[in-house]
Amino acid sequence: MKDGGAQGYPETGKPETAQSTRAPRRREADLPLLVRGMPIVTPDRDRQRTTHSVKTVAGPTDRVVVVGAGLAGLSAALYLTGAGRKVTLLERADHPGGRVGRYQGPDYEIDSGATVLTLPELITDALAAVGRTPQTCKPALRIHQLAPSYHAKFADGATLRVFADPDAMAEEVALVCGPAEARRYRRLRDWLARIYAAEFAEFMDTNFDSPLDMLRVPEKRRALAALVRLGGFGRLGPKVHRILNDPRLARLFTFQALYAGLPPAQALAVYGAIPHMDTSLGVYYPEGGMRAIAAAMAEAFTAAGGTLELGTEVTTVDYAGRRAERVRTADGRAFDCDALVLTVDLGSVDRYGVRRRRGLRAAPSAVVAHGTVPAEIARTWPVQAHHTIEFGAAWDQTFAEIAGRRGRLMSDPSLLLTRPALTDPGLYISRADGQHEPFSLLAPCPNLDAAPLDWARIGPAYLRELLDELERRGYDGIATQFTVDHLDTPQTWRDQGMLAGTPFSAAHLFRQTGPFRSRNFPRTSDNVVIAGCGTTPGVGVPTAVLSGKLAANRITGDTHPARDETARTSEIVFPATP
């Protein structure tokens, strides 16, 4: 799934700096939410960062155990190791990555989770904590910007490519929607950039001890005032439709509300940060697949002296009063700790001595099929792109079906198709009957709280329905030639301990976002810190990395001084892939 990258700062233009104004008095319940957790990157983001003190782990913190080697755990482990802690990272799978892991096919590997990378410089930040760069990883981590980022196909047969470059995107919009709509696109892009610029330093790349931090801390108070002036507390869908006339184009700037678990008509306008990442800051792909990121981070961690234990499932945590002192694993071993970082899903934290917040509302889930398709078949499809968004016609109805409290399967599916070999030819598979390519299909669906369906029974049949629908939409041969090696459903996610059977954790409702989201420093313990998509800043690949850094900060107190953003980005991003 998704997440937000930035390379070309000149593309976005320099955001206007909000003037300092006194924020109006507000009740705590009226404070603004943190947008989904997708960080904003601007050249001066570090100079804007708040340096106010936050609660940290008291007492000794020399030995740290991190549970879970997903991106959040790997990020935390790198920052903690760089700060001089002795870190042991425990992972139950036989490889690192978590929700950015891999599936092993009969003669190929395929990414098992997220397929969209944004903000790759956050990966560089984590590597730099132990003195590494993408080039010095073994093997080197090479990340490419995609152009286009996405290729959208609509029910009326129209297609529209999404480019991060503003001129290329305006030209595409003019071609498909007309020159007047291209001008409106530029207006929308400017507004999204301002929303985005107001959020990162004080609402995403930061720890909160209380929602009142937004009023007590001057920098946060100024950012709050800027969002109010920008109309960030109106609704995203209506705001976008007031600027754009073409409903097809509007979809490209509102479908991202799904990541937050809300229909665009209900999502606050501050969620405009999400489409800004997708459509303005660029989408990226690492050679070898998304799993190459986790492999690079794990290699850097162990090379710096960290201990990574794979195939090691944590079963219990021993406490002495309010402090975790030992982690026990299924193979009978015990690991002593002065501090503990848990990156397990919110649906599983209770078993490790952390009380889960009650009444959480989960985000929608997804059905994801992974496998291979003959390359000669795929070459006949109507869209030839790394990422294809295949929109159905009943857009509003789709959101009502998958995000409602009483969920239903999509009656007119909107789908994400991923073909990574079009970017990375090394992923093609040579077989006796010819060349094949890895292929993934993602269909949003309700979570198990909203729709407790028997996925073991209906999963294969529902996939056949989706493939038949794609066949009708022009993807000839997909229903008969797509060899499915893995089918993930909400039941898959629940079996892995994920809240309500969704890999997207808690929805970003106002009461579950930013300072109102589940705390990364639970009040019930003095030395246990949480990282991952269920806590701050939120759901997504870059935010998982960021949450690991924020968790490490709770232990080290490190504020990570400013560095030159543009130079770091240029180290890892290679020319756009046509």
Protein backbone atom coordinates (compact mmCIF):
# COMPACT_ATOMS: atom_id res chain seq x y z
CA MET A 1 0.00 0.00 0.00
CA LYS A 2 1.05 3.57 0.27
CA ASP A 3 3.24 5.90 1.78
CA GLY A 4 4.94 9.66 0.50
CA GLY A 5 8.28 10.63 -0.96
CA ALA A 6 9.99 13.85 -1.77
CA GLN A 7 12.91 14.63 -3.96
CA GLY A 8 12.18 17.61 -6.15
CA TYR A 9 11.67 20.54 -3.80
CA PRO A 10 11.57 22.99 -6.73
CA GLU A 11 8.46 21.15 -7.93
CA THR A 12 6.43 22.10 -4.93
CA GLY A 13 7.59 25.66 -4.66
CA LYS A 14 8.67 27.08 -1.34
CA PRO A 15 5.69 27.00 1.00
CA GLU A 16 4.69 30.29 2.46
CA THR A 17 5.73 30.55 6.08
CA ALA A 18 2.79 31.11 8.34
CA GLN A 19 3.03 34.31 10.31
CA SER A 20 2.90 34.00 14.05
CA THR A 21 -0.56 34.73 15.34
CA ARG A 22 -2.17 34.08 18.63
CA ALA A 23 -4.28 30.95 18.50
CA PRO A 24 -7.85 31.24 19.75
CA ARG A 25 -8.74 29.55 22.99
CA ARG A 26 -9.94 26.02 22.32
CA ARG A 27 -11.33 23.16 24.26
CA GLU A 28 -9.14 20.06 24.23
CA ALA A 29 -11.74 18.22 22.13
CA ASP A 30 -11.47 20.89 19.43
CA LEU A 31 -7.75 20.51 18.87
CA PRO A 32 -6.72 19.47 15.35
CA LEU A 33 -5.73 16.03 14.23
CA LEU A 34 -2.43 14.86 12.89
CA VAL A 35 -2.89 13.91 9.29
CA ARG A 36 -2.55 10.15 8.73
CA GLY A 37 1.07 10.30 9.67
CA MET A 38 2.62 11.00 6.31
CA PRO A 39 5.51 13.35 6.99
CA ILE A 40 6.05 16.59 5.13
CA VAL A 41 9.51 17.24 3.80
CA THR A 42 10.65 20.78 3.15
CA PRO A 43 14.26 21.97 2.96
CA ASP A 44 13.94 23.77 6.29
CA ARG A 45 11.92 21.20 8.17
CA ASP A 46 14.60 20.55 10.79
CA ARG A 47 15.05 24.23 11.56
CA GLN A 48 11.34 24.37 12.38
CA ARG A 49 11.42 21.38 14.70
CA THR A 50 10.21 21.87 18.23
CA THR A 51 12.84 21.22 20.89
CA HIS A 52 10.56 21.29 23.93
CA SER A 53 11.24 18.50 26.42
CA VAL A 54 9.01 15.44 26.48
CA LYS A 55 8.76 12.55 28.87
CA THR A 56 11.55 9.99 28.48
CA VAL A 57 12.44 6.68 30.11
CA ALA A 58 14.01 7.31 33.51
CA GLY A 59 16.85 5.30 34.96
CA PRO A 60 19.35 3.13 33.08
CA THR A 61 18.71 2.54 29.38
CA ASP A 62 21.92 0.80 28.34
CA ARG A 63 20.28 -2.47 27.23
CA VAL A 64 17.27 -2.19 24.95
CA VAL A 65 15.18 -4.98 23.49
CA VAL A 66 13.11 -4.18 20.40
CA VAL A 67 10.29 -6.58 19.56
CA GLY A 68 9.53 -6.74 15.84
CA ALA A 69 11.88 -6.13 12.90
CA GLY A 70 9.45 -4.29 10.69
CA LEU A 71 10.35 -0.80 9.52
CA ALA A 72 9.40 0.74 12.87
CA GLY A 73 11.52 -1.73 14.82
CA LEU A 74 14.45 -1.45 12.43
CA SER A 75 14.29 2.33 12.60
CA ALA A 76 14.19 2.33 16.40
CA ALA A 77 17.06 -0.15 16.53
CA LEU A 78 19.23 1.98 14.24
CA TYR A 79 18.65 5.18 16.18
CA LEU A 80 19.20 3.47 19.52
CA THR A 81 22.39 1.77 18.33
CA GLY A 82 23.66 5.06 16.96
CA ALA A 83 23.03 6.61 20.37
CA GLY A 84 25.25 4.02 22.05
CA ARG A 85 22.68 1.57 23.38
CA LYS A 86 23.18 -2.18 23.25
CA VAL A 87 20.20 -3.29 21.19
CA THR A 88 18.72 -6.74 20.64
CA LEU A 89 16.07 -6.95 17.92
CA LEU A 90 13.72 -9.94 18.05
CA GLU A 91 11.64 -11.00 15.03
CA ARG A 92 9.33 -14.01 14.81
CA ALA A 93 9.60 -14.35 11.01
CA ASP A 94 12.64 -15.75 9.22
CA HIS A 95 13.36 -12.38 7.58
CA PRO A 96 13.07 -8.71 8.55
CA GLY A 97 10.42 -6.37 7.16
CA GLY A 98 7.14 -6.96 8.96
CA ARG A 99 4.46 -5.39 6.76
CA VAL A 100 7.18 -4.70 4.21
CA GLY A 101 8.26 -8.32 4.06
CA ARG A 102 8.35 -10.93 1.34
CA TYR A 103 6.64 -14.06 0.13
CA GLN A 104 8.69 -16.84 -1.37
CA GLY A 105 7.17 -18.29 -4.53
CA PRO A 106 8.33 -21.47 -6.25
CA ASP A 107 10.97 -19.60 -8.27
CA TYR A 108 10.62 -15.95 -7.28
CA GLU A 109 10.11 -13.53 -4.39
CA ILE A 110 7.41 -10.88 -4.13
CA ASP A 111 6.71 -8.08 -1.67
CA SER A 112 4.15 -9.26 0.87
CA GLY A 113 2.94 -5.86 2.01
CA ALA A 114 3.37 -2.22 1.08
CA THR A 115 4.21 -1.56 -2.56
CA VAL A 116 4.28 2.25 -2.62
CA LEU A 117 7.27 4.11 -1.19
CA THR A 118 7.29 7.81 -0.40
CA LEU A 119 9.73 9.99 1.55
CA PRO A 120 12.77 7.75 0.99
CA GLU A 121 15.00 10.27 2.76
CA LEU A 122 13.60 9.00 6.06
CA ILE A 123 15.31 5.70 5.29
CA THR A 124 18.54 7.62 4.75
CA ASP A 125 18.11 9.35 8.10
CA ALA A 126 17.79 6.03 9.90
CA LEU A 127 20.84 4.59 8.15
CA ALA A 128 22.83 7.73 8.95
CA ALA A 129 22.21 7.14 12.66
CA VAL A 130 24.85 4.39 12.47
CA GLY A 131 27.07 6.14 9.95
CA ARG A 132 25.73 4.38 6.87
CA THR A 133 24.44 5.63 3.54
CA PRO A 134 22.38 3.71 0.98
CA GLN A 135 25.55 3.30 -1.08
CA THR A 136 27.51 1.73 1.77
CA CYS A 137 24.85 -0.86 2.55
CA LYS A 138 25.70 -4.37 1.42
CA PRO A 139 24.29 -4.64 -1.17
CA ALA A 140 23.79 -0.98 -1.97
CA LEU A 141 20.24 0.35 -1.71
CA ARG A 142 19.19 1.95 -4.99
CA ILE A 143 15.88 3.81 -5.06
CA HIS A 144 14.24 5.12 -8.22
CA GLN A 145 11.54 7.72 -8.64
CA LEU A 146 8.62 6.55 -10.77
CA ALA A 147 7.28 8.68 -13.59
CA PRO A 148 4.35 8.43 -13.68
CA SER A 149 3.74 7.70 -10.03
CA TYR A 150 0.39 6.13 -10.86
CA HIS A 151 -1.68 5.50 -13.95
CA ALA A 152 -5.40 5.92 -13.28
CA LYS A 153 -8.08 4.30 -15.42
CA PHE A 154 -11.70 5.39 -15.03
CA ALA A 155 -15.02 3.69 -15.69
CA ASP A 156 -15.61 5.85 -18.78
CA GLY A 157 -12.43 4.46 -20.35
CA ALA A 158 -10.36 7.60 -19.80
CA THR A 159 -6.85 7.29 -18.38
CA LEU A 160 -4.78 9.86 -16.55
CA ARG A 161 -1.15 9.60 -15.50
CA VAL A 162 -0.01 11.17 -12.24
CA PHE A 163 3.31 13.02 -12.36
CA ALA A 164 5.16 14.67 -9.50
CA ASP A 165 6.54 17.30 -11.87
CA PRO A 166 3.99 20.16 -11.91
CA ASP A 167 4.44 21.00 -15.59
CA ALA A 168 4.15 17.39 -16.71
CA MET A 169 1.07 16.94 -14.54
CA ALA A 170 -0.54 20.15 -15.77
CA GLU A 171 0.06 19.04 -19.34
CA GLU A 172 -1.54 15.67 -18.62
CA VAL A 173 -4.55 17.30 -16.96
CA ALA A 174 -4.97 19.70 -19.87
CA LEU A 175 -4.90 16.79 -22.31
CA VAL A 176 -7.51 14.73 -20.45
CA CYS A 177 -9.62 17.35 -18.67
CA GLY A 178 -8.95 20.60 -20.53
CA PRO A 179 -6.69 23.66 -20.00
CA ALA A 180 -9.03 25.33 -17.50
CA GLU A 181 -8.85 22.26 -15.27
CA ALA A 182 -5.06 22.30 -15.55
CA ARG A 183 -5.08 25.80 -14.06
CA ARG A 184 -7.34 24.61 -11.27
CA TYR A 185 -4.95 21.73 -10.65
CA ARG A 186 -2.13 24.20 -10.01
CA ARG A 187 -4.33 26.06 -7.52
CA LEU A 188 -5.11 22.83 -5.72
CA ARG A 189 -1.48 21.77 -5.70
CA ASP A 190 -0.50 25.07 -4.09
CA TRP A 191 -3.13 24.71 -1.37
CA LEU A 192 -2.13 21.10 -0.63
CA ALA A 193 1.51 22.16 -0.35
CA ARG A 194 0.60 24.81 2.22
CA ILE A 195 -1.45 22.35 4.25
CA TYR A 196 1.43 19.90 4.09
CA ALA A 197 4.02 22.50 5.07
CA ALA A 198 2.05 23.50 8.15
CA GLU A 199 1.95 19.97 9.54
CA PHE A 200 5.23 18.10 9.46
CA ALA A 201 7.47 19.51 12.16
CA GLU A 202 4.86 20.12 14.85
CA PHE A 203 2.27 17.40 14.21
CA MET A 204 4.16 14.48 12.65
CA ASP A 205 7.87 14.53 13.43
CA THR A 206 7.28 15.05 17.12
CA ASN A 207 6.34 13.33 20.35
CA PHE A 208 3.29 14.40 22.34
CA ASP A 209 2.78 14.03 26.06
CA SER A 210 -0.66 15.64 25.93
CA PRO A 211 -3.03 17.18 23.38
CA LEU A 212 -2.50 20.39 25.30
CA ASP A 213 1.05 20.48 23.93
CA MET A 214 -0.52 22.08 20.87
CA LEU A 215 -1.44 25.09 22.97
CA ARG A 216 1.43 25.09 25.46
CA VAL A 217 4.28 24.87 22.94
CA PRO A 218 4.68 28.08 20.89
CA GLU A 219 5.81 26.32 17.70
CA LYS A 220 2.85 23.96 17.78
CA ARG A 221 0.48 26.80 18.52
CA ARG A 222 1.70 28.68 15.46
CA ALA A 223 1.33 25.57 13.28
CA LEU A 224 -2.20 25.09 14.60
CA ALA A 225 -3.08 28.66 13.72
CA ALA A 226 -1.67 28.18 10.21
CA LEU A 227 -3.86 25.14 9.64
CA VAL A 228 -6.92 27.04 10.82
CA ARG A 229 -6.18 29.88 8.41
CA LEU A 230 -5.76 27.42 5.54
CA GLY A 231 -9.16 25.87 6.18
CA GLY A 232 -7.67 22.62 7.40
CA PHE A 233 -10.68 21.86 9.56
CA GLY A 234 -13.21 21.87 6.77
CA ARG A 235 -13.80 18.69 4.78
CA LEU A 236 -11.33 17.40 2.21
CA GLY A 237 -13.78 16.16 -0.40
CA PRO A 238 -15.87 19.34 -0.63
CA LYS A 239 -12.72 21.50 -0.61
CA VAL A 240 -11.20 19.62 -3.54
CA HIS A 241 -14.47 19.74 -5.47
CA ARG A 242 -14.69 23.51 -4.94
CA ILE A 243 -11.37 23.87 -6.75
CA LEU A 244 -11.66 21.15 -9.39
CA ASN A 245 -14.56 20.67 -11.78
CA ASP A 246 -13.71 17.25 -13.20
CA PRO A 247 -14.85 14.51 -10.79
CA ARG A 248 -12.29 12.10 -12.23
CA LEU A 249 -9.41 14.39 -11.34
CA ALA A 250 -10.92 15.04 -7.93
CA ARG A 251 -10.74 11.32 -7.19
CA LEU A 252 -6.96 11.40 -7.58
CA PHE A 253 -6.76 13.94 -4.77
CA THR A 254 -9.28 12.36 -2.42
CA PHE A 255 -8.99 8.56 -2.65
CA GLN A 256 -6.07 8.75 -0.21
CA ALA A 257 -8.58 9.36 2.60
CA LEU A 258 -8.98 5.58 2.47
CA TYR A 259 -5.54 5.27 4.08
CA ALA A 260 -6.90 7.23 7.01
CA GLY A 261 -10.01 5.06 7.15
CA LEU A 262 -12.50 7.78 6.22
CA PRO A 263 -14.62 8.74 3.20
CA PRO A 264 -13.37 11.98 1.56
CA ALA A 265 -16.63 13.73 2.43
CA GLN A 266 -15.93 13.12 6.13
CA ALA A 267 -12.15 13.51 6.23
CA LEU A 268 -10.88 16.84 7.49
CA ALA A 269 -9.04 18.98 4.96
CA VAL A 270 -5.78 18.53 6.85
CA TYR A 271 -5.74 15.12 5.20
CA GLY A 272 -4.74 17.00 2.07
CA ALA A 273 -1.20 16.17 3.17
CA ILE A 274 -1.77 12.64 1.90
CA PRO A 275 -2.61 13.42 -1.75
CA HIS A 276 0.18 15.99 -1.74
CA MET A 277 2.62 13.20 -0.98
CA ASP A 278 1.15 10.92 -3.60
CA THR A 279 0.74 13.45 -6.38
CA SER A 280 3.38 16.13 -5.76
CA LEU A 281 6.28 14.67 -3.82
CA GLY A 282 6.79 11.52 -5.82
CA VAL A 283 6.47 7.76 -5.57
CA TYR A 284 9.60 5.60 -5.43
CA TYR A 285 10.72 2.01 -5.79
CA PRO A 286 13.90 0.28 -4.58
CA GLU A 287 15.70 -2.16 -6.83
CA GLY A 288 14.90 -5.66 -5.67
CA GLY A 289 11.54 -4.69 -4.24
CA MET A 290 10.30 -2.97 -1.11
CA ARG A 291 11.86 -5.80 0.88
CA ALA A 292 15.27 -4.41 -0.08
CA ILE A 293 14.67 -1.52 2.33
CA ALA A 294 14.25 -3.80 5.32
CA ALA A 295 17.25 -5.88 4.26
CA ALA A 296 19.44 -2.77 4.01
CA MET A 297 18.34 -1.46 7.40
CA ALA A 298 18.90 -4.86 9.03
CA GLU A 299 22.39 -5.16 7.51
CA ALA A 300 23.32 -1.67 8.71
CA PHE A 301 22.04 -2.48 12.20
CA THR A 302 24.02 -5.71 12.61
CA ALA A 303 27.15 -4.18 11.04
CA ALA A 304 26.97 -1.45 13.69
CA GLY A 305 27.00 -4.04 16.47
CA GLY A 306 23.31 -4.73 16.97
CA THR A 307 21.98 -8.23 17.55
CA LEU A 308 19.18 -9.46 15.26
CA GLU A 309 17.43 -12.69 16.23
CA LEU A 310 15.18 -14.04 13.46
CA GLY A 311 12.68 -16.84 13.98
CA THR A 312 12.33 -15.70 17.57
CA GLU A 313 8.79 -15.22 18.88
CA VAL A 314 8.32 -13.23 22.07
CA THR A 315 5.78 -14.87 24.37
CA THR A 316 5.90 -12.89 27.62
CA VAL A 317 7.46 -9.88 29.29
CA ASP A 318 8.55 -10.03 32.94
CA TYR A 319 7.87 -6.91 34.99
CA ALA A 320 9.26 -5.70 38.28
CA GLY A 321 6.65 -3.20 39.36
CA ARG A 322 6.22 -0.73 36.51
CA ARG A 323 9.41 -1.69 34.69
CA ALA A 324 9.89 -4.40 32.09
CA GLU A 325 13.04 -6.28 33.00
CA ARG A 326 13.07 -9.38 30.82
CA VAL A 327 11.63 -10.67 27.55
CA ARG A 328 10.96 -14.39 27.13
CA THR A 329 10.73 -16.22 23.82
CA ALA A 330 9.03 -19.38 22.60
CA ASP A 331 12.33 -21.25 22.40
CA GLY A 332 12.93 -20.80 26.12
CA ARG A 333 15.43 -17.97 26.03
CA ALA A 334 15.30 -14.77 28.08
CA PHE A 335 16.65 -11.33 27.18
CA ASP A 336 17.22 -8.82 29.97
CA CYS A 337 16.46 -5.18 29.23
CA ASP A 338 16.60 -1.71 30.74
CA ALA A 339 14.07 -0.46 28.21
CA LEU A 340 11.68 -2.20 25.84
CA VAL A 341 10.34 -1.10 22.44
CA LEU A 342 7.24 -2.96 21.27
CA THR A 343 6.29 -2.73 17.61
CA VAL A 344 3.52 -5.30 17.79
CA ASP A 345 0.07 -4.38 16.47
CA LEU A 346 -2.47 -2.75 18.76
CA GLY A 347 -4.46 -5.96 18.56
CA SER A 348 -1.67 -7.81 20.39
CA VAL A 349 -0.18 -5.38 22.93
CA ASP A 350 -2.22 -6.75 25.85
CA ARG A 351 -0.27 -9.99 25.91
CA TYR A 352 2.94 -8.04 26.59
CA GLY A 353 1.69 -6.20 29.65
CA VAL A 354 0.48 -3.03 27.90
CA ARG A 355 -3.15 -2.13 28.34
CA ARG A 356 -4.77 -1.49 24.98
CA ARG A 357 -6.95 1.55 24.66
CA ARG A 358 -10.57 0.50 24.52
CA GLY A 359 -13.11 1.61 21.95
CA LEU A 360 -10.67 1.90 19.08
CA ARG A 361 -12.23 2.05 15.64
CA ALA A 362 -10.21 0.17 13.05
CA ALA A 363 -9.50 1.30 9.49
CA PRO A 364 -10.83 -0.66 6.52
CA SER A 365 -8.89 -3.74 5.51
CA ALA A 366 -7.92 -5.26 2.17
CA VAL A 367 -7.88 -8.43 0.14
CA VAL A 368 -4.50 -8.84 -1.57
CA ALA A 369 -3.56 -11.50 -4.12
CA HIS A 370 0.09 -12.12 -5.00
CA GLY A 371 1.40 -14.27 -7.80
CA THR A 372 2.62 -14.25 -11.38
CA VAL A 373 1.18 -13.66 -14.83
CA PRO A 374 2.68 -14.43 -18.26
CA ALA A 375 4.40 -11.30 -19.53
CA GLU A 376 2.89 -11.74 -23.00
CA ILE A 377 -0.59 -11.64 -21.45
CA ALA A 378 0.15 -8.59 -19.30
CA ARG A 379 1.53 -6.70 -22.32
CA THR A 380 -1.96 -6.71 -23.86
CA TRP A 381 -3.63 -4.99 -20.91
CA PRO A 382 -5.04 -1.47 -21.40
CA VAL A 383 -2.59 0.11 -18.95
CA GLN A 384 1.15 -0.55 -18.83
CA ALA A 385 2.31 0.91 -15.52
CA HIS A 386 4.01 -0.04 -12.27
CA HIS A 387 0.97 1.15 -10.27
CA THR A 388 -2.48 1.20 -11.87
CA ILE A 389 -5.52 2.53 -10.03
CA GLU A 390 -8.55 0.93 -11.65
CA PHE A 391 -11.50 3.10 -10.58
CA GLY A 392 -15.07 1.86 -10.55
CA ALA A 393 -17.97 4.19 -11.31
CA ALA A 394 -19.80 4.11 -7.95
CA TRP A 395 -17.21 6.10 -6.05
CA ASP A 396 -19.23 7.44 -3.11
CA GLN A 397 -20.96 4.10 -2.71
CA THR A 398 -17.60 2.33 -2.55
CA PHE A 399 -16.50 4.36 0.46
CA ALA A 400 -19.83 3.79 2.18
CA GLU A 401 -19.41 0.06 1.68
CA ILE A 402 -15.85 -0.37 2.91
CA ALA A 403 -15.64 2.35 5.58
CA GLY A 404 -19.11 2.21 7.12
CA ARG A 405 -19.80 0.82 10.56
CA ARG A 406 -21.73 -1.98 8.84
CA GLY A 407 -19.40 -2.81 6.01
CA ARG A 408 -20.00 -4.63 2.75
CA LEU A 409 -17.85 -5.81 -0.11
CA MET A 410 -17.47 -3.35 -2.97
CA SER A 411 -20.29 -3.66 -5.50
CA ASP A 412 -18.30 -1.69 -8.10
CA PRO A 413 -14.65 -2.33 -7.23
CA SER A 414 -11.84 0.20 -7.29
CA LEU A 415 -8.53 -1.67 -7.31
CA LEU A 416 -4.75 -1.23 -7.18
CA LEU A 417 -2.70 -3.31 -9.63
CA THR A 418 1.07 -3.53 -9.11
CA ARG A 419 3.57 -4.74 -11.72
CA PRO A 420 7.07 -4.05 -10.33
CA ALA A 421 8.97 -5.72 -13.18
CA LEU A 422 8.03 -2.80 -15.43
CA THR A 423 10.38 -0.72 -13.26
CA ASP A 424 12.85 -3.43 -12.25
CA PRO A 425 13.34 -5.88 -15.16
CA GLY A 426 15.44 -8.09 -12.93
CA LEU A 427 12.18 -9.29 -11.39
CA TYR A 428 11.00 -11.04 -14.56
CA ILE A 429 10.91 -14.83 -14.19
CA SER A 430 12.08 -17.15 -16.96
CA ARG A 431 10.14 -20.40 -17.17
CA ALA A 432 9.87 -23.20 -19.70
CA ASP A 433 6.72 -21.67 -21.17
CA GLY A 434 8.17 -18.16 -21.43
CA GLN A 435 8.64 -15.04 -19.36
CA HIS A 436 6.43 -14.27 -16.37
CA GLU A 437 6.19 -11.25 -14.08
CA PRO A 438 5.20 -10.80 -10.43
CA PHE A 439 1.78 -9.24 -10.00
CA SER A 440 -0.27 -8.06 -7.02
CA LEU A 441 -3.92 -7.05 -6.82
CA LEU A 442 -5.29 -5.08 -3.87
CA ALA A 443 -9.01 -4.66 -3.19
CA PRO A 444 -10.08 -2.53 -0.20
CA CYS A 445 -12.68 -4.20 2.00
CA PRO A 446 -14.30 -3.71 5.41
CA ASN A 447 -12.51 -4.90 8.52
CA LEU A 448 -13.80 -7.78 10.63
CA ASP A 449 -15.48 -5.52 13.17
CA ALA A 450 -17.58 -3.89 10.45
CA ALA A 451 -18.18 -7.10 8.48
CA PRO A 452 -17.34 -10.38 10.27
CA LEU A 453 -17.25 -12.43 7.08
CA ASP A 454 -16.06 -16.03 6.77
CA TRP A 455 -13.01 -15.27 4.64
CA ALA A 456 -11.76 -18.84 4.64
CA ARG A 457 -14.93 -19.70 2.75
CA ILE A 458 -15.53 -16.64 0.58
CA GLY A 459 -11.97 -15.47 -0.10
CA PRO A 460 -11.20 -17.51 -3.24
CA ALA A 461 -14.68 -16.90 -4.68
CA TYR A 462 -14.40 -13.15 -4.09
CA LEU A 463 -11.02 -13.10 -5.83
CA ARG A 464 -12.58 -14.85 -8.83
CA GLU A 465 -15.27 -12.14 -8.93
CA LEU A 466 -12.60 -9.43 -8.92
CA LEU A 467 -10.62 -11.10 -11.70
CA ASP A 468 -13.78 -11.56 -13.78
CA GLU A 469 -14.52 -7.85 -13.33
CA LEU A 470 -11.02 -6.92 -14.49
CA GLU A 471 -11.48 -9.20 -17.48
CA ARG A 472 -14.62 -7.26 -18.38
CA ARG A 473 -12.66 -4.02 -18.06
CA GLY A 474 -10.17 -5.10 -20.68
CA TYR A 475 -7.51 -7.03 -18.76
CA ASP A 476 -7.69 -9.99 -21.10
CA GLY A 477 -6.44 -13.27 -19.69
CA ILE A 478 -6.17 -12.13 -16.08
CA ALA A 479 -8.98 -14.42 -14.91
CA THR A 480 -7.34 -17.55 -16.31
CA GLN A 481 -3.62 -16.74 -16.48
CA PHE A 482 -2.96 -15.10 -13.09
CA THR A 483 -1.36 -17.79 -10.92
CA VAL A 484 -2.12 -16.87 -7.31
CA ASP A 485 0.45 -18.09 -4.79
CA HIS A 486 -0.74 -16.05 -1.80
CA LEU A 487 -4.17 -14.68 -0.93
CA ASP A 488 -4.32 -12.40 2.09
CA THR A 489 -7.68 -11.46 3.61
CA PRO A 490 -8.80 -9.78 6.84
CA GLN A 491 -8.59 -13.21 8.46
CA THR A 492 -4.89 -13.37 7.50
CA TRP A 493 -4.27 -10.08 9.26
CA ARG A 494 -6.28 -11.12 12.34
CA ASP A 495 -4.34 -14.37 12.60
CA GLN A 496 -1.19 -12.23 12.74
CA GLY A 497 -2.62 -10.30 15.69
CA MET A 498 -3.75 -7.18 13.82
CA LEU A 499 -6.62 -5.08 15.13
CA ALA A 500 -9.97 -6.10 13.56
CA GLY A 501 -8.14 -7.90 10.78
CA THR A 502 -6.68 -4.81 9.12
CA PRO A 503 -3.05 -4.02 8.32
CA PHE A 504 -3.94 -0.31 8.53
CA SER A 505 -4.52 -0.34 12.30
CA ALA A 506 -6.72 2.29 13.97
CA ALA A 507 -8.56 4.68 11.67
CA HIS A 508 -7.45 8.30 11.78
CA LEU A 509 -10.58 9.66 13.34
CA PHE A 510 -10.11 12.93 15.20
CA ARG A 511 -10.04 11.05 18.51
CA GLN A 512 -7.42 8.61 17.17
CA THR A 513 -5.02 10.97 15.45
CA GLY A 514 -1.94 12.95 16.44
CA PRO A 515 -1.87 13.69 20.16
CA PHE A 516 -5.13 11.75 20.53
CA ARG A 517 -3.71 8.57 19.00
CA SER A 518 -2.62 5.68 21.23
CA ARG A 519 0.42 6.96 23.12
CA ASN A 520 3.88 5.70 22.25
CA PHE A 521 4.79 5.95 25.94
CA PRO A 522 2.03 4.09 27.84
CA ARG A 523 1.17 5.47 31.25
CA THR A 524 1.10 1.97 32.72
CA SER A 525 4.86 1.42 32.42
CA ASP A 526 8.03 3.39 33.11
CA ASN A 527 10.28 1.86 30.46
CA VAL A 528 8.10 0.43 27.68
CA VAL A 529 7.74 2.42 24.46
CA ILE A 530 5.49 1.64 21.47
CA ALA A 531 6.30 2.07 17.78
CA GLY A 532 4.43 1.22 14.59
CA CYS A 533 1.37 2.33 12.68
CA GLY A 534 -0.97 2.07 15.67
CA THR A 535 0.72 4.90 17.51
CA THR A 536 2.03 8.31 16.48
CA PRO A 537 2.43 9.49 13.82
CA GLY A 538 0.24 6.93 12.04
CA VAL A 539 -0.25 4.55 9.13
CA GLY A 540 2.19 4.30 6.24
CA VAL A 541 5.71 3.28 5.28
CA PRO A 542 7.44 6.58 6.06
CA THR A 543 5.48 7.02 9.25
CA ALA A 544 6.50 3.57 10.43
CA VAL A 545 10.12 4.65 10.03
CA LEU A 546 9.36 7.92 11.75
CA SER A 547 7.59 6.19 14.64
CA GLY A 548 10.72 4.16 15.29
CA LYS A 549 12.74 7.34 15.57
CA LEU A 550 10.19 8.90 17.92
CA ALA A 551 10.22 5.77 20.08
CA ALA A 552 14.01 5.89 20.25
CA ASN A 553 13.79 9.55 21.27
CA ARG A 554 11.69 8.51 24.26
CA ILE A 555 14.68 6.48 25.43
CA THR A 556 17.61 8.67 24.38
CA GLY A 557 16.08 12.15 24.53
CA ASP A 558 17.88 12.89 21.26
CA THR A 559 16.34 15.68 19.15
CA HIS A 560 18.48 14.87 16.08
CA PRO A 561 19.95 18.17 14.85
CA ALA A 562 19.24 19.63 11.46
CA ARG A 563 20.93 18.31 8.35
CA ASP A 564 20.85 19.36 4.74
CA GLU A 565 17.78 17.67 3.26
CA THR A 566 18.52 18.11 -0.43
CA ALA A 567 21.99 16.59 -0.23
CA ARG A 568 20.69 13.52 1.59
CA THR A 569 17.91 12.97 -0.90
CA SER A 570 20.22 13.17 -3.89
CA GLU A 571 22.27 10.32 -2.47
CA ILE A 572 19.54 7.74 -2.93
CA VAL A 573 17.21 8.82 -5.70
CA PHE A 574 18.04 7.85 -9.26
CA PRO A 575 16.45 9.23 -12.43
CA ALA A 576 12.73 8.76 -12.92
CA THR A 577 11.74 5.52 -14.59
CA PRO A 578 9.69 5.98 -17.77
